[in-house]
Amino acid sequence: MLKWYVLNTKPKKENQVEKLLYEAHFEIYNPKYIMDKSVRPFFPGYAFIRFDHPLQYRLVKYTRGVKKVVGIKDEPIPIPKEVIGGIKAREVNGYIELMKYGQEPDVGDEIEVVEGPLKGLRGIFKKEMGEQERVLILLNYVSYQGQLLIEKKKLKKVLS
């Protein structure tokens, strides 16, 4: 019976293992994300594979780049398919969407700056400003009203 298992790969061999097992017609899932314009494994040193244990165990275990199938001794521990579904649900265009500070704000939302010298300032999300992930926010403090251009990743949505 086909079940999902966790593979522990040798360092930086996630993509090699993914390719080899995919070519061997296994269903393998190696979630990735993008940071600083480079694609990185979401779980460095690990991937998920669906196979029939014990029938295909040796083939998986002895694939180049695989350290082990996670389990106790030679008995891998299956994981629920809902775990895979939950991770895949976070993907956007094939990559895990990282939400550093919770829910992404929309125009009109109250936001708070959470990084940098302006940390703690609150304002209203006014609009997105191009491909550099910058946003314009309106500040309204005591006797000061102004606008600020800031990187979107430095903000969090204030929940009421």
N, C-alpha and C. Protein backbone atom coordinates (compact mmCIF):
# COMPACT_ATOMS: atom_id res chain seq x y z
N MET A 1 0.84 -1.18 0.00
CA MET A 1 0.00 0.00 0.00
C MET A 1 0.89 1.25 0.00
N LEU A 2 0.54 2.21 -0.84
CA LEU A 2 1.32 3.44 -0.95
C LEU A 2 1.05 4.37 0.24
N LYS A 3 2.12 4.80 0.89
CA LYS A 3 2.02 5.75 2.00
C LYS A 3 3.14 6.76 1.88
N TRP A 4 2.97 7.91 2.51
CA TRP A 4 4.00 8.95 2.52
C TRP A 4 4.99 8.71 3.65
N TYR A 5 6.28 8.96 3.33
CA TYR A 5 7.35 8.83 4.31
C TYR A 5 8.29 10.02 4.16
N VAL A 6 9.12 10.23 5.17
CA VAL A 6 10.11 11.30 5.13
C VAL A 6 11.48 10.70 4.82
N LEU A 7 12.15 11.31 3.84
CA LEU A 7 13.51 10.91 3.48
C LEU A 7 14.49 11.88 4.11
N ASN A 8 15.55 11.37 4.66
CA ASN A 8 16.67 12.20 5.11
C ASN A 8 17.74 12.07 4.04
N THR A 9 18.11 13.21 3.43
CA THR A 9 19.10 13.17 2.35
C THR A 9 20.46 13.61 2.86
N LYS A 10 21.46 13.30 2.08
CA LYS A 10 22.79 13.82 2.38
C LYS A 10 22.77 15.33 2.17
N PRO A 11 23.70 16.06 2.81
CA PRO A 11 23.68 17.53 2.70
C PRO A 11 23.67 18.02 1.25
N LYS A 12 22.74 18.92 0.98
CA LYS A 12 22.60 19.58 -0.33
C LYS A 12 22.32 18.60 -1.47
N LYS A 13 21.72 17.46 -1.17
CA LYS A 13 21.41 16.47 -2.21
C LYS A 13 19.91 16.31 -2.43
N GLU A 14 19.10 17.23 -1.88
CA GLU A 14 17.64 17.11 -2.02
C GLU A 14 17.21 17.07 -3.49
N ASN A 15 17.78 17.95 -4.31
CA ASN A 15 17.38 18.01 -5.73
C ASN A 15 17.83 16.78 -6.50
N GLN A 16 19.02 16.28 -6.21
CA GLN A 16 19.53 15.07 -6.87
C GLN A 16 18.61 13.88 -6.54
N VAL A 17 18.27 13.73 -5.26
CA VAL A 17 17.40 12.64 -4.83
C VAL A 17 16.03 12.78 -5.49
N GLU A 18 15.52 14.01 -5.51
CA GLU A 18 14.21 14.26 -6.14
C GLU A 18 14.23 13.81 -7.61
N LYS A 19 15.26 14.19 -8.32
CA LYS A 19 15.38 13.84 -9.75
C LYS A 19 15.47 12.33 -9.95
N LEU A 20 16.34 11.68 -9.19
CA LEU A 20 16.52 10.24 -9.33
C LEU A 20 15.24 9.46 -9.03
N LEU A 21 14.56 9.82 -7.96
CA LEU A 21 13.35 9.09 -7.58
C LEU A 21 12.18 9.42 -8.51
N TYR A 22 12.13 10.65 -9.00
CA TYR A 22 11.11 11.01 -9.99
C TYR A 22 11.30 10.18 -11.26
N GLU A 23 12.56 10.06 -11.71
CA GLU A 23 12.87 9.27 -12.90
C GLU A 23 12.55 7.78 -12.69
N ALA A 24 12.56 7.34 -11.44
CA ALA A 24 12.21 5.95 -11.11
C ALA A 24 10.69 5.81 -10.89
N HIS A 25 9.94 6.86 -11.22
CA HIS A 25 8.47 6.89 -11.17
C HIS A 25 7.88 6.87 -9.75
N PHE A 26 8.63 7.44 -8.81
CA PHE A 26 8.08 7.61 -7.46
C PHE A 26 7.43 8.98 -7.37
N GLU A 27 6.44 9.09 -6.50
CA GLU A 27 5.86 10.40 -6.20
C GLU A 27 6.70 10.98 -5.07
N ILE A 28 7.41 12.05 -5.38
CA ILE A 28 8.29 12.67 -4.40
C ILE A 28 7.94 14.14 -4.30
N TYR A 29 8.02 14.66 -3.10
CA TYR A 29 7.69 16.06 -2.85
C TYR A 29 8.83 16.70 -2.09
N ASN A 30 9.47 17.67 -2.73
CA ASN A 30 10.59 18.41 -2.16
C ASN A 30 10.20 19.89 -2.16
N PRO A 31 9.48 20.34 -1.14
CA PRO A 31 9.00 21.73 -1.16
C PRO A 31 10.15 22.74 -1.19
N LYS A 32 9.93 23.83 -1.93
CA LYS A 32 10.96 24.86 -2.09
C LYS A 32 10.36 26.23 -1.86
N TYR A 33 11.23 27.19 -1.58
CA TYR A 33 10.81 28.58 -1.47
C TYR A 33 11.88 29.46 -2.11
N ILE A 34 11.54 30.71 -2.34
CA ILE A 34 12.49 31.64 -2.95
C ILE A 34 12.89 32.68 -1.91
N MET A 35 14.20 32.86 -1.75
CA MET A 35 14.72 33.90 -0.87
C MET A 35 15.93 34.52 -1.55
N ASP A 36 15.96 35.84 -1.58
CA ASP A 36 17.05 36.56 -2.22
C ASP A 36 17.28 36.07 -3.65
N LYS A 37 16.19 35.83 -4.37
CA LYS A 37 16.20 35.42 -5.77
C LYS A 37 16.81 34.05 -6.03
N SER A 38 16.98 33.24 -4.99
CA SER A 38 17.46 31.87 -5.22
C SER A 38 16.46 30.88 -4.63
N VAL A 39 16.35 29.74 -5.31
CA VAL A 39 15.42 28.68 -4.88
C VAL A 39 16.12 27.81 -3.84
N ARG A 40 15.44 27.61 -2.72
CA ARG A 40 16.02 26.84 -1.62
C ARG A 40 15.05 25.77 -1.13
N PRO A 41 15.56 24.68 -0.61
CA PRO A 41 14.65 23.66 -0.06
C PRO A 41 14.01 24.18 1.23
N PHE A 42 12.72 23.93 1.38
CA PHE A 42 12.00 24.38 2.57
C PHE A 42 12.43 23.59 3.80
N PHE A 43 12.75 22.31 3.58
CA PHE A 43 13.25 21.44 4.65
C PHE A 43 14.63 20.93 4.23
N PRO A 44 15.70 21.70 4.45
CA PRO A 44 17.03 21.25 4.01
C PRO A 44 17.36 19.87 4.59
N GLY A 45 17.79 18.97 3.71
CA GLY A 45 18.15 17.63 4.14
C GLY A 45 17.00 16.65 4.21
N TYR A 46 15.81 17.09 3.79
CA TYR A 46 14.64 16.22 3.86
C TYR A 46 13.76 16.38 2.62
N ALA A 47 13.01 15.34 2.32
CA ALA A 47 12.01 15.35 1.26
C ALA A 47 10.94 14.33 1.65
N PHE A 48 9.83 14.35 0.95
CA PHE A 48 8.75 13.41 1.21
C PHE A 48 8.60 12.49 0.01
N ILE A 49 8.35 11.22 0.27
CA ILE A 49 8.19 10.25 -0.81
C ILE A 49 7.03 9.32 -0.50
N ARG A 50 6.34 8.93 -1.54
CA ARG A 50 5.22 8.00 -1.41
C ARG A 50 5.65 6.69 -2.07
N PHE A 51 5.66 5.63 -1.26
CA PHE A 51 6.04 4.32 -1.80
C PHE A 51 5.38 3.20 -1.01
N ASP A 52 5.51 2.00 -1.55
CA ASP A 52 4.93 0.80 -0.94
C ASP A 52 6.00 0.13 -0.07
N HIS A 53 5.78 0.20 1.24
CA HIS A 53 6.69 -0.47 2.17
C HIS A 53 6.09 -1.83 2.51
N PRO A 54 6.79 -2.90 2.50
CA PRO A 54 8.23 -3.09 2.36
C PRO A 54 8.68 -3.32 0.92
N LEU A 55 7.74 -3.42 -0.02
CA LEU A 55 8.07 -3.80 -1.39
C LEU A 55 9.14 -2.92 -2.04
N GLN A 56 9.05 -1.60 -1.89
CA GLN A 56 9.97 -0.68 -2.56
C GLN A 56 11.00 -0.06 -1.61
N TYR A 57 11.02 -0.49 -0.39
CA TYR A 57 11.86 0.12 0.63
C TYR A 57 13.35 0.13 0.26
N ARG A 58 13.89 -1.00 -0.14
CA ARG A 58 15.33 -1.08 -0.44
C ARG A 58 15.71 -0.17 -1.62
N LEU A 59 14.85 -0.12 -2.62
CA LEU A 59 15.12 0.74 -3.77
C LEU A 59 15.21 2.21 -3.35
N VAL A 60 14.30 2.63 -2.49
CA VAL A 60 14.31 4.02 -2.00
C VAL A 60 15.52 4.24 -1.10
N LYS A 61 15.72 3.36 -0.15
CA LYS A 61 16.79 3.52 0.85
C LYS A 61 18.17 3.61 0.22
N TYR A 62 18.40 2.85 -0.85
CA TYR A 62 19.73 2.80 -1.46
C TYR A 62 19.87 3.70 -2.69
N THR A 63 18.97 4.64 -2.86
CA THR A 63 19.10 5.63 -3.94
C THR A 63 20.25 6.57 -3.59
N ARG A 64 21.07 6.91 -4.57
CA ARG A 64 22.20 7.81 -4.36
C ARG A 64 21.71 9.14 -3.76
N GLY A 65 22.33 9.55 -2.68
CA GLY A 65 21.98 10.81 -2.02
C GLY A 65 21.06 10.65 -0.82
N VAL A 66 20.45 9.47 -0.67
CA VAL A 66 19.56 9.22 0.47
C VAL A 66 20.38 8.72 1.65
N LYS A 67 20.21 9.36 2.81
CA LYS A 67 20.85 8.88 4.04
C LYS A 67 20.03 7.76 4.65
N LYS A 68 18.73 8.05 4.81
CA LYS A 68 17.82 7.06 5.39
C LYS A 68 16.38 7.47 5.17
N VAL A 69 15.49 6.51 5.35
CA VAL A 69 14.07 6.78 5.41
C VAL A 69 13.77 6.93 6.90
N VAL A 70 13.19 8.04 7.31
CA VAL A 70 13.00 8.32 8.73
C VAL A 70 12.07 7.29 9.37
N GLY A 71 12.54 6.72 10.46
CA GLY A 71 11.78 5.71 11.17
C GLY A 71 12.61 5.12 12.29
N ILE A 72 12.23 3.94 12.73
CA ILE A 72 12.95 3.23 13.78
C ILE A 72 13.61 2.01 13.15
N LYS A 73 14.95 2.03 13.14
CA LYS A 73 15.75 0.99 12.49
C LYS A 73 15.34 0.89 11.02
N ASP A 74 14.92 -0.30 10.56
CA ASP A 74 14.51 -0.47 9.16
C ASP A 74 13.00 -0.39 8.99
N GLU A 75 12.34 0.24 9.93
CA GLU A 75 10.88 0.36 9.88
C GLU A 75 10.50 1.84 9.75
N PRO A 76 10.29 2.32 8.51
CA PRO A 76 9.95 3.73 8.34
C PRO A 76 8.57 4.04 8.93
N ILE A 77 8.43 5.27 9.39
CA ILE A 77 7.17 5.70 10.00
C ILE A 77 6.38 6.51 8.96
N PRO A 78 5.20 6.03 8.58
CA PRO A 78 4.40 6.78 7.60
C PRO A 78 3.86 8.07 8.22
N ILE A 79 3.65 9.07 7.34
CA ILE A 79 3.06 10.32 7.80
C ILE A 79 1.71 10.49 7.09
N PRO A 80 0.76 11.15 7.74
CA PRO A 80 -0.55 11.33 7.12
C PRO A 80 -0.47 12.17 5.85
N LYS A 81 -1.28 11.82 4.85
CA LYS A 81 -1.28 12.57 3.59
C LYS A 81 -1.73 14.01 3.81
N GLU A 82 -2.44 14.27 4.90
CA GLU A 82 -2.88 15.63 5.22
C GLU A 82 -1.69 16.56 5.49
N VAL A 83 -0.59 16.00 5.99
CA VAL A 83 0.62 16.80 6.23
C VAL A 83 1.13 17.34 4.89
N ILE A 84 1.19 16.48 3.89
CA ILE A 84 1.64 16.89 2.56
C ILE A 84 0.66 17.91 1.99
N GLY A 85 -0.62 17.65 2.12
CA GLY A 85 -1.65 18.58 1.63
C GLY A 85 -1.55 19.94 2.29
N GLY A 86 -1.26 19.97 3.58
CA GLY A 86 -1.12 21.23 4.31
C GLY A 86 0.06 22.04 3.83
N ILE A 87 1.17 21.36 3.53
CA ILE A 87 2.35 22.07 3.03
C ILE A 87 2.09 22.57 1.61
N LYS A 88 1.50 21.72 0.77
CA LYS A 88 1.20 22.13 -0.61
C LYS A 88 0.21 23.28 -0.66
N ALA A 89 -0.67 23.37 0.33
CA ALA A 89 -1.65 24.46 0.37
C ALA A 89 -1.00 25.82 0.55
N ARG A 90 0.22 25.85 1.05
CA ARG A 90 0.95 27.12 1.25
C ARG A 90 1.72 27.55 0.01
N GLU A 91 1.66 26.74 -1.06
CA GLU A 91 2.39 27.06 -2.28
C GLU A 91 1.67 28.09 -3.13
N VAL A 92 2.46 28.95 -3.74
CA VAL A 92 1.99 29.90 -4.74
C VAL A 92 2.96 29.76 -5.91
N ASN A 93 2.44 29.40 -7.08
CA ASN A 93 3.27 29.18 -8.27
C ASN A 93 4.39 28.15 -8.03
N GLY A 94 4.09 27.11 -7.26
CA GLY A 94 5.04 26.03 -7.06
C GLY A 94 6.05 26.24 -5.94
N TYR A 95 5.96 27.35 -5.24
CA TYR A 95 6.90 27.64 -4.15
C TYR A 95 6.12 27.96 -2.88
N ILE A 96 6.70 27.57 -1.73
CA ILE A 96 6.08 27.86 -0.44
C ILE A 96 6.08 29.38 -0.25
N GLU A 97 4.94 29.90 0.11
CA GLU A 97 4.81 31.34 0.38
C GLU A 97 5.17 31.57 1.84
N LEU A 98 6.21 32.35 2.06
CA LEU A 98 6.64 32.64 3.41
C LEU A 98 5.88 33.85 3.94
N MET A 99 5.20 33.66 5.06
CA MET A 99 4.50 34.77 5.69
C MET A 99 5.24 35.06 7.00
N LYS A 100 6.19 35.96 6.91
CA LYS A 100 7.08 36.22 8.03
C LYS A 100 6.35 36.75 9.26
N TYR A 101 5.41 37.64 9.03
CA TYR A 101 4.72 38.28 10.16
C TYR A 101 3.22 38.07 10.12
N GLY A 102 2.80 36.92 9.66
CA GLY A 102 1.37 36.62 9.65
C GLY A 102 0.71 37.00 8.35
N GLN A 103 -0.58 37.31 8.43
CA GLN A 103 -1.38 37.60 7.25
C GLN A 103 -0.89 38.85 6.53
N GLU A 104 -0.82 38.78 5.21
CA GLU A 104 -0.36 39.90 4.40
C GLU A 104 -1.42 40.99 4.38
N PRO A 105 -1.02 42.25 4.57
CA PRO A 105 -2.01 43.33 4.60
C PRO A 105 -2.54 43.68 3.21
N ASP A 106 -3.77 44.20 3.19
CA ASP A 106 -4.40 44.70 1.97
C ASP A 106 -4.54 46.22 2.09
N VAL A 107 -4.81 46.86 0.96
CA VAL A 107 -5.01 48.31 0.95
C VAL A 107 -6.12 48.66 1.95
N GLY A 108 -5.84 49.64 2.79
CA GLY A 108 -6.80 50.09 3.80
C GLY A 108 -6.59 49.46 5.17
N ASP A 109 -5.79 48.41 5.26
CA ASP A 109 -5.55 47.75 6.54
C ASP A 109 -4.62 48.59 7.42
N GLU A 110 -4.82 48.48 8.73
CA GLU A 110 -3.89 49.09 9.66
C GLU A 110 -2.68 48.17 9.75
N ILE A 111 -1.48 48.76 9.69
CA ILE A 111 -0.25 47.97 9.72
C ILE A 111 0.69 48.51 10.79
N GLU A 112 1.69 47.70 11.11
CA GLU A 112 2.73 48.11 12.04
C GLU A 112 4.08 47.73 11.44
N VAL A 113 5.05 48.62 11.53
CA VAL A 113 6.40 48.34 11.07
C VAL A 113 7.05 47.46 12.13
N VAL A 114 7.62 46.32 11.70
CA VAL A 114 8.17 45.36 12.66
C VAL A 114 9.68 45.17 12.54
N GLU A 115 10.32 45.90 11.61
CA GLU A 115 11.77 45.81 11.45
C GLU A 115 12.33 47.19 11.17
N GLY A 116 13.57 47.36 11.52
CA GLY A 116 14.29 48.59 11.17
C GLY A 116 14.10 49.72 12.16
N PRO A 117 14.62 50.89 11.82
CA PRO A 117 14.58 52.02 12.75
C PRO A 117 13.18 52.57 13.00
N LEU A 118 12.23 52.23 12.15
CA LEU A 118 10.86 52.72 12.33
C LEU A 118 9.96 51.70 13.03
N LYS A 119 10.57 50.68 13.60
CA LYS A 119 9.84 49.62 14.29
C LYS A 119 8.86 50.22 15.30
N GLY A 120 7.62 49.71 15.26
CA GLY A 120 6.61 50.16 16.20
C GLY A 120 5.66 51.20 15.62
N LEU A 121 6.06 51.87 14.55
CA LEU A 121 5.16 52.85 13.93
C LEU A 121 3.97 52.15 13.32
N ARG A 122 2.82 52.79 13.45
CA ARG A 122 1.60 52.24 12.86
C ARG A 122 1.08 53.20 11.82
N GLY A 123 0.36 52.63 10.86
CA GLY A 123 -0.22 53.46 9.81
C GLY A 123 -1.26 52.68 9.04
N ILE A 124 -1.64 53.23 7.91
CA ILE A 124 -2.62 52.60 7.03
C ILE A 124 -1.93 52.23 5.73
N PHE A 125 -2.11 51.00 5.28
CA PHE A 125 -1.53 50.52 4.04
C PHE A 125 -2.25 51.24 2.90
N LYS A 126 -1.52 52.05 2.13
CA LYS A 126 -2.15 52.84 1.07
C LYS A 126 -2.08 52.14 -0.29
N LYS A 127 -0.88 51.71 -0.74
CA LYS A 127 -0.79 51.02 -2.02
C LYS A 127 0.57 50.35 -2.19
N GLU A 128 0.62 49.38 -3.12
CA GLU A 128 1.87 48.69 -3.46
C GLU A 128 2.61 49.55 -4.48
N MET A 129 3.95 49.50 -4.43
CA MET A 129 4.75 50.37 -5.29
C MET A 129 5.76 49.57 -6.12
N GLY A 130 5.31 48.78 -7.06
CA GLY A 130 6.21 48.15 -8.00
C GLY A 130 6.77 46.81 -7.58
N GLU A 131 7.77 46.38 -8.34
CA GLU A 131 8.31 45.03 -8.22
C GLU A 131 9.26 44.84 -7.05
N GLN A 132 9.68 45.89 -6.38
CA GLN A 132 10.63 45.74 -5.28
C GLN A 132 9.94 45.44 -3.96
N GLU A 133 8.66 45.06 -4.02
CA GLU A 133 7.92 44.72 -2.81
C GLU A 133 7.88 45.89 -1.83
N ARG A 134 7.78 47.09 -2.35
CA ARG A 134 7.66 48.26 -1.49
C ARG A 134 6.21 48.70 -1.43
N VAL A 135 5.85 49.31 -0.32
CA VAL A 135 4.48 49.78 -0.15
C VAL A 135 4.50 51.19 0.40
N LEU A 136 3.41 51.91 0.18
CA LEU A 136 3.25 53.25 0.70
C LEU A 136 2.26 53.17 1.85
N ILE A 137 2.65 53.72 3.01
CA ILE A 137 1.74 53.73 4.14
C ILE A 137 1.52 55.16 4.60
N LEU A 138 0.36 55.42 5.15
CA LEU A 138 0.03 56.73 5.70
C LEU A 138 0.26 56.70 7.20
N LEU A 139 1.02 57.66 7.69
CA LEU A 139 1.27 57.76 9.12
C LEU A 139 0.44 58.91 9.66
N ASN A 140 -0.10 58.74 10.86
CA ASN A 140 -0.92 59.78 11.47
C ASN A 140 -0.66 59.77 12.97
N TYR A 141 0.34 60.56 13.39
CA TYR A 141 0.72 60.60 14.80
C TYR A 141 0.66 62.01 15.33
N VAL A 142 0.08 62.16 16.48
CA VAL A 142 -0.03 63.41 17.23
C VAL A 142 -0.15 64.60 16.27
N SER A 143 0.92 65.32 16.04
CA SER A 143 0.82 66.49 15.18
C SER A 143 1.53 66.25 13.84
N TYR A 144 1.75 64.98 13.50
CA TYR A 144 2.46 64.68 12.26
C TYR A 144 1.61 63.79 11.37
N GLN A 145 1.47 64.19 10.13
CA GLN A 145 0.84 63.35 9.12
C GLN A 145 1.81 63.23 7.98
N GLY A 146 2.03 62.03 7.50
CA GLY A 146 2.97 61.88 6.39
C GLY A 146 2.82 60.53 5.73
N GLN A 147 3.62 60.34 4.70
CA GLN A 147 3.63 59.09 3.96
C GLN A 147 5.02 58.50 4.04
N LEU A 148 5.10 57.19 3.99
CA LEU A 148 6.37 56.49 4.10
C LEU A 148 6.40 55.38 3.07
N LEU A 149 7.50 55.28 2.35
CA LEU A 149 7.73 54.18 1.42
C LEU A 149 8.64 53.19 2.13
N ILE A 150 8.18 51.92 2.24
CA ILE A 150 8.92 50.92 3.01
C ILE A 150 8.76 49.54 2.37
N GLU A 151 9.70 48.64 2.64
CA GLU A 151 9.62 47.28 2.13
C GLU A 151 8.46 46.55 2.79
N LYS A 152 7.68 45.86 1.97
CA LYS A 152 6.50 45.16 2.46
C LYS A 152 6.84 44.09 3.50
N LYS A 153 8.01 43.46 3.36
CA LYS A 153 8.38 42.38 4.27
C LYS A 153 8.66 42.88 5.69
N LYS A 154 8.72 44.20 5.88
CA LYS A 154 8.97 44.76 7.20
C LYS A 154 7.70 45.16 7.92
N LEU A 155 6.54 44.77 7.37
CA LEU A 155 5.25 45.15 7.95
C LEU A 155 4.48 43.93 8.42
N LYS A 156 3.56 44.20 9.32
CA LYS A 156 2.58 43.16 9.67
C LYS A 156 1.22 43.83 9.78
N LYS A 157 0.21 43.07 9.46
CA LYS A 157 -1.16 43.54 9.57
C LYS A 157 -1.55 43.54 11.04
N VAL A 158 -2.16 44.62 11.48
CA VAL A 158 -2.62 44.71 12.87
C VAL A 158 -4.01 44.10 12.91
N LEU A 159 -4.17 43.09 13.73
CA LEU A 159 -5.46 42.42 13.86
C LEU A 159 -6.28 43.10 14.95
N SER A 160 -7.51 43.39 14.64
CA SER A 160 -8.39 44.09 15.60
C SER A 160 -8.84 43.20 16.71
